[in-house]
Amino acid sequence: MMDTFATQRSPLEALDRMFGSGGSTHTDFPFEEAGSGTTKTANIIVDSRYFFDLIKENKTLLNEIRNLTHAVSELISALKEKDELVGRGTVMLRDIPKDQAKKEIAELFDKSGTLYFSDIAEMLRLDLELVVQLCEELEKEGKIKVKE
């Protein structure tokens, strides 16, 4: 007795019809021998309980996948919203040699006069701690004056 899964029945109904509920049966299983192009059959014993268990497990896993997909979508949306909020004030810092940064800070003071550490860091896209350190060095060298 052969039944296909292409019918309107659920896989559980098709298996139940094919093997009976919870039973086992002998069936011919067609297979192609590797590279031969010929189809052979093997008589196997099929325990329908095994298939029922697989289908139930499959349904459980599909539900878990749907739940995880939904959770990931929500996380992506939250991250996009956060990125939009943070991205407005985010500055990508440059990674340049200290000598170059020090030179750029001195040139900025020549052009602008009074500046705050945070303004220098933002304008030159440098780390704030580095800016403070280099300004202190420039002050010790007498190239700029830092107001307290």
C-alpha atoms as a PDB file:
ATOM      1  CA  MET A   1       0.000   0.000   0.000  1.00  0.00           C
ATOM      2  CA  MET A   2       1.627   3.265  -1.115  1.00  0.00           C
ATOM      3  CA  ASP A   3       0.529   6.761  -0.023  1.00  0.00           C
ATOM      4  CA  THR A   4       2.125  10.036  -0.998  1.00  0.00           C
ATOM      5  CA  PHE A   5       2.620  13.232   0.937  1.00  0.00           C
ATOM      6  CA  ALA A   6       1.314  15.221  -2.034  1.00  0.00           C
ATOM      7  CA  THR A   7      -2.283  14.611  -0.923  1.00  0.00           C
ATOM      8  CA  GLN A   8      -4.252  16.997   1.225  1.00  0.00           C
ATOM      9  CA  ARG A   9      -3.591  14.893   4.321  1.00  0.00           C
ATOM     10  CA  SER A  10      -1.160  15.965   6.979  1.00  0.00           C
ATOM     11  CA  PRO A  11       2.058  13.917   7.225  1.00  0.00           C
ATOM     12  CA  LEU A  12       0.710  12.319  10.411  1.00  0.00           C
ATOM     13  CA  GLU A  13      -2.504  11.247   8.673  1.00  0.00           C
ATOM     14  CA  ALA A  14      -0.557   9.873   5.701  1.00  0.00           C
ATOM     15  CA  LEU A  15       1.724   7.842   7.976  1.00  0.00           C
ATOM     16  CA  ASP A  16      -1.220   6.584   9.985  1.00  0.00           C
ATOM     17  CA  ARG A  17      -2.943   5.461   6.793  1.00  0.00           C
ATOM     18  CA  MET A  18       0.251   3.928   5.431  1.00  0.00           C
ATOM     19  CA  PHE A  19       1.382   2.042   8.539  1.00  0.00           C
ATOM     20  CA  GLY A  20      -1.470   2.200  11.001  1.00  0.00           C
ATOM     21  CA  SER A  21      -1.082   4.053  14.287  1.00  0.00           C
ATOM     22  CA  GLY A  22       1.915   2.924  16.249  1.00  0.00           C
ATOM     23  CA  GLY A  23       2.646  -0.155  14.185  1.00  0.00           C
ATOM     24  CA  SER A  24       5.357  -1.321  11.896  1.00  0.00           C
ATOM     25  CA  THR A  25       5.263  -2.721   8.412  1.00  0.00           C
ATOM     26  CA  HIS A  26       7.471  -4.153   5.698  1.00  0.00           C
ATOM     27  CA  THR A  27       7.760  -1.911   2.692  1.00  0.00           C
ATOM     28  CA  ASP A  28       9.793  -1.767  -0.472  1.00  0.00           C
ATOM     29  CA  PHE A  29      12.071   1.253  -0.451  1.00  0.00           C
ATOM     30  CA  PRO A  30      13.307   2.322  -3.917  1.00  0.00           C
ATOM     31  CA  PHE A  31      16.873   3.581  -4.227  1.00  0.00           C
ATOM     32  CA  GLU A  32      19.395   4.217  -6.978  1.00  0.00           C
ATOM     33  CA  GLU A  33      22.684   2.436  -6.795  1.00  0.00           C
ATOM     34  CA  ALA A  34      25.475   5.039  -6.909  1.00  0.00           C
ATOM     35  CA  GLY A  35      26.567   5.720 -10.464  1.00  0.00           C
ATOM     36  CA  SER A  36      24.643   2.815 -11.988  1.00  0.00           C
ATOM     37  CA  GLY A  37      21.520   4.669 -13.079  1.00  0.00           C
ATOM     38  CA  THR A  38      19.400   1.672 -12.144  1.00  0.00           C
ATOM     39  CA  THR A  39      16.750   1.700  -9.456  1.00  0.00           C
ATOM     40  CA  LYS A  40      16.604  -1.152  -6.986  1.00  0.00           C
ATOM     41  CA  THR A  41      14.328  -1.794  -4.048  1.00  0.00           C
ATOM     42  CA  ALA A  42      15.083  -2.842  -0.529  1.00  0.00           C
ATOM     43  CA  ASN A  43      12.537  -4.408   1.741  1.00  0.00           C
ATOM     44  CA  ILE A  44      12.698  -2.560   5.050  1.00  0.00           C
ATOM     45  CA  ILE A  45      10.744  -2.623   8.263  1.00  0.00           C
ATOM     46  CA  VAL A  46       9.289   0.787   9.034  1.00  0.00           C
ATOM     47  CA  ASP A  47       8.122   1.660  12.522  1.00  0.00           C
ATOM     48  CA  SER A  48       5.587   4.467  12.175  1.00  0.00           C
ATOM     49  CA  ARG A  49       6.137   5.575  15.785  1.00  0.00           C
ATOM     50  CA  TYR A  50       9.600   6.721  14.754  1.00  0.00           C
ATOM     51  CA  PHE A  51       8.110   8.900  11.996  1.00  0.00           C
ATOM     52  CA  PHE A  52       5.453  10.294  14.341  1.00  0.00           C
ATOM     53  CA  ASP A  53       8.164  11.251  16.812  1.00  0.00           C
ATOM     54  CA  LEU A  54      10.236  12.881  14.052  1.00  0.00           C
ATOM     55  CA  ILE A  55       7.283  14.911  12.813  1.00  0.00           C
ATOM     56  CA  LYS A  56       6.419  16.076  16.334  1.00  0.00           C
ATOM     57  CA  GLU A  57      10.061  17.046  16.943  1.00  0.00           C
ATOM     58  CA  ASN A  58      10.128  18.834  13.596  1.00  0.00           C
ATOM     59  CA  LYS A  59       7.040  20.874  14.538  1.00  0.00           C
ATOM     60  CA  THR A  60       8.656  21.792  17.870  1.00  0.00           C
ATOM     61  CA  LEU A  61      11.873  22.870  16.147  1.00  0.00           C
ATOM     62  CA  LEU A  62       9.977  24.912  13.547  1.00  0.00           C
ATOM     63  CA  ASN A  63       8.149  26.776  16.328  1.00  0.00           C
ATOM     64  CA  GLU A  64      11.462  27.453  18.064  1.00  0.00           C
ATOM     65  CA  ILE A  65      12.949  28.746  14.802  1.00  0.00           C
ATOM     66  CA  ARG A  66       9.949  31.052  14.277  1.00  0.00           C
ATOM     67  CA  ASN A  67      10.283  32.390  17.832  1.00  0.00           C
ATOM     68  CA  LEU A  68      14.025  32.948  17.441  1.00  0.00           C
ATOM     69  CA  THR A  69      13.548  34.635  14.053  1.00  0.00           C
ATOM     70  CA  HIS A  70      10.999  36.981  15.611  1.00  0.00           C
ATOM     71  CA  ALA A  71      13.327  37.758  18.541  1.00  0.00           C
ATOM     72  CA  VAL A  72      16.252  38.450  16.196  1.00  0.00           C
ATOM     73  CA  SER A  73      14.064  40.774  14.097  1.00  0.00           C
ATOM     74  CA  GLU A  74      13.078  42.704  17.213  1.00  0.00           C
ATOM     75  CA  LEU A  75      16.735  42.978  18.287  1.00  0.00           C
ATOM     76  CA  ILE A  76      17.763  44.232  14.848  1.00  0.00           C
ATOM     77  CA  SER A  77      15.022  46.868  14.946  1.00  0.00           C
ATOM     78  CA  ALA A  78      16.067  47.980  18.428  1.00  0.00           C
ATOM     79  CA  LEU A  79      19.718  48.196  17.370  1.00  0.00           C
ATOM     80  CA  LYS A  80      18.803  50.231  14.278  1.00  0.00           C
ATOM     81  CA  GLU A  81      16.810  52.662  16.430  1.00  0.00           C
ATOM     82  CA  LYS A  82      19.664  52.940  18.922  1.00  0.00           C
ATOM     83  CA  ASP A  83      22.203  53.384  16.118  1.00  0.00           C
ATOM     84  CA  GLU A  84      20.124  56.188  14.632  1.00  0.00           C
ATOM     85  CA  LEU A  85      20.007  57.962  17.992  1.00  0.00           C
ATOM     86  CA  VAL A  86      23.665  57.405  18.837  1.00  0.00           C
ATOM     87  CA  GLY A  87      24.852  57.848  15.261  1.00  0.00           C
ATOM     88  CA  ARG A  88      23.865  61.510  15.241  1.00  0.00           C
ATOM     89  CA  GLY A  89      26.517  62.388  17.808  1.00  0.00           C
ATOM     90  CA  THR A  90      29.041  59.662  17.074  1.00  0.00           C
ATOM     91  CA  VAL A  91      32.468  60.667  15.885  1.00  0.00           C
ATOM     92  CA  MET A  92      34.766  58.170  14.221  1.00  0.00           C
ATOM     93  CA  LEU A  93      38.195  58.675  15.817  1.00  0.00           C
ATOM     94  CA  ARG A  94      41.313  58.738  13.687  1.00  0.00           C
ATOM     95  CA  ASP A  95      44.301  56.635  14.589  1.00  0.00           C
ATOM     96  CA  ILE A  96      47.304  58.820  13.733  1.00  0.00           C
ATOM     97  CA  PRO A  97      50.823  59.126  15.150  1.00  0.00           C
ATOM     98  CA  LYS A  98      51.189  61.322  18.239  1.00  0.00           C
ATOM     99  CA  ASP A  99      53.582  63.685  16.443  1.00  0.00           C
ATOM    100  CA  GLN A 100      51.049  64.294  13.688  1.00  0.00           C
ATOM    101  CA  ALA A 101      48.239  64.839  16.210  1.00  0.00           C
ATOM    102  CA  LYS A 102      50.398  67.232  18.192  1.00  0.00           C
ATOM    103  CA  LYS A 103      51.210  69.219  15.012  1.00  0.00           C
ATOM    104  CA  GLU A 104      47.527  69.401  14.028  1.00  0.00           C
ATOM    105  CA  ILE A 105      46.555  70.624  17.514  1.00  0.00           C
ATOM    106  CA  ALA A 106      49.216  73.375  17.373  1.00  0.00           C
ATOM    107  CA  GLU A 107      48.008  74.433  13.908  1.00  0.00           C
ATOM    108  CA  LEU A 108      44.424  74.506  15.165  1.00  0.00           C
ATOM    109  CA  PHE A 109      45.419  76.846  18.001  1.00  0.00           C
ATOM    110  CA  ASP A 110      47.228  79.110  15.513  1.00  0.00           C
ATOM    111  CA  LYS A 111      44.035  79.445  13.467  1.00  0.00           C
ATOM    112  CA  SER A 112      41.386  79.471  16.181  1.00  0.00           C
ATOM    113  CA  GLY A 113      42.812  80.952  19.352  1.00  0.00           C
ATOM    114  CA  THR A 114      40.852  79.738  22.400  1.00  0.00           C
ATOM    115  CA  LEU A 115      39.627  76.154  22.221  1.00  0.00           C
ATOM    116  CA  TYR A 116      38.237  73.571  24.599  1.00  0.00           C
ATOM    117  CA  PHE A 117      39.727  70.084  24.786  1.00  0.00           C
ATOM    118  CA  SER A 118      36.407  68.593  23.670  1.00  0.00           C
ATOM    119  CA  ASP A 119      36.260  70.938  20.654  1.00  0.00           C
ATOM    120  CA  ILE A 120      39.768  69.911  19.591  1.00  0.00           C
ATOM    121  CA  ALA A 121      38.934  66.224  19.987  1.00  0.00           C
ATOM    122  CA  GLU A 122      35.774  66.613  17.900  1.00  0.00           C
ATOM    123  CA  MET A 123      37.301  68.810  15.187  1.00  0.00           C
ATOM    124  CA  LEU A 124      40.355  66.615  14.698  1.00  0.00           C
ATOM    125  CA  ARG A 125      38.483  63.359  15.493  1.00  0.00           C
ATOM    126  CA  LEU A 126      41.002  62.408  18.169  1.00  0.00           C
ATOM    127  CA  ASP A 127      40.638  60.679  21.515  1.00  0.00           C
ATOM    128  CA  LEU A 128      39.926  63.231  24.270  1.00  0.00           C
ATOM    129  CA  GLU A 129      42.576  61.827  26.620  1.00  0.00           C
ATOM    130  CA  LEU A 130      45.172  62.089  23.856  1.00  0.00           C
ATOM    131  CA  VAL A 131      44.155  65.696  23.179  1.00  0.00           C
ATOM    132  CA  VAL A 132      44.538  66.623  26.863  1.00  0.00           C
ATOM    133  CA  GLN A 133      47.941  64.897  27.056  1.00  0.00           C
ATOM    134  CA  LEU A 134      49.239  66.572  23.895  1.00  0.00           C
ATOM    135  CA  CYS A 135      47.923  70.007  24.926  1.00  0.00           C
ATOM    136  CA  GLU A 136      49.764  69.662  28.240  1.00  0.00           C
ATOM    137  CA  GLU A 137      52.947  68.795  26.321  1.00  0.00           C
ATOM    138  CA  LEU A 138      52.433  71.778  23.988  1.00  0.00           C
ATOM    139  CA  GLU A 139      51.946  74.030  27.017  1.00  0.00           C
ATOM    140  CA  LYS A 140      55.178  72.766  28.634  1.00  0.00           C
ATOM    141  CA  GLU A 141      56.944  73.489  25.337  1.00  0.00           C
ATOM    142  CA  GLY A 142      55.493  77.022  25.431  1.00  0.00           C
ATOM    143  CA  LYS A 143      53.599  76.641  22.137  1.00  0.00           C
ATOM    144  CA  ILE A 144      50.125  77.123  23.644  1.00  0.00           C
ATOM    145  CA  LYS A 145      48.651  78.410  26.884  1.00  0.00           C
ATOM    146  CA  VAL A 146      46.104  76.311  28.727  1.00  0.00           C
ATOM    147  CA  LYS A 147      43.619  78.244  30.868  1.00  0.00           C
ATOM    148  CA  GLU A 148      42.504  76.677  34.124  1.00  0.00           C
END
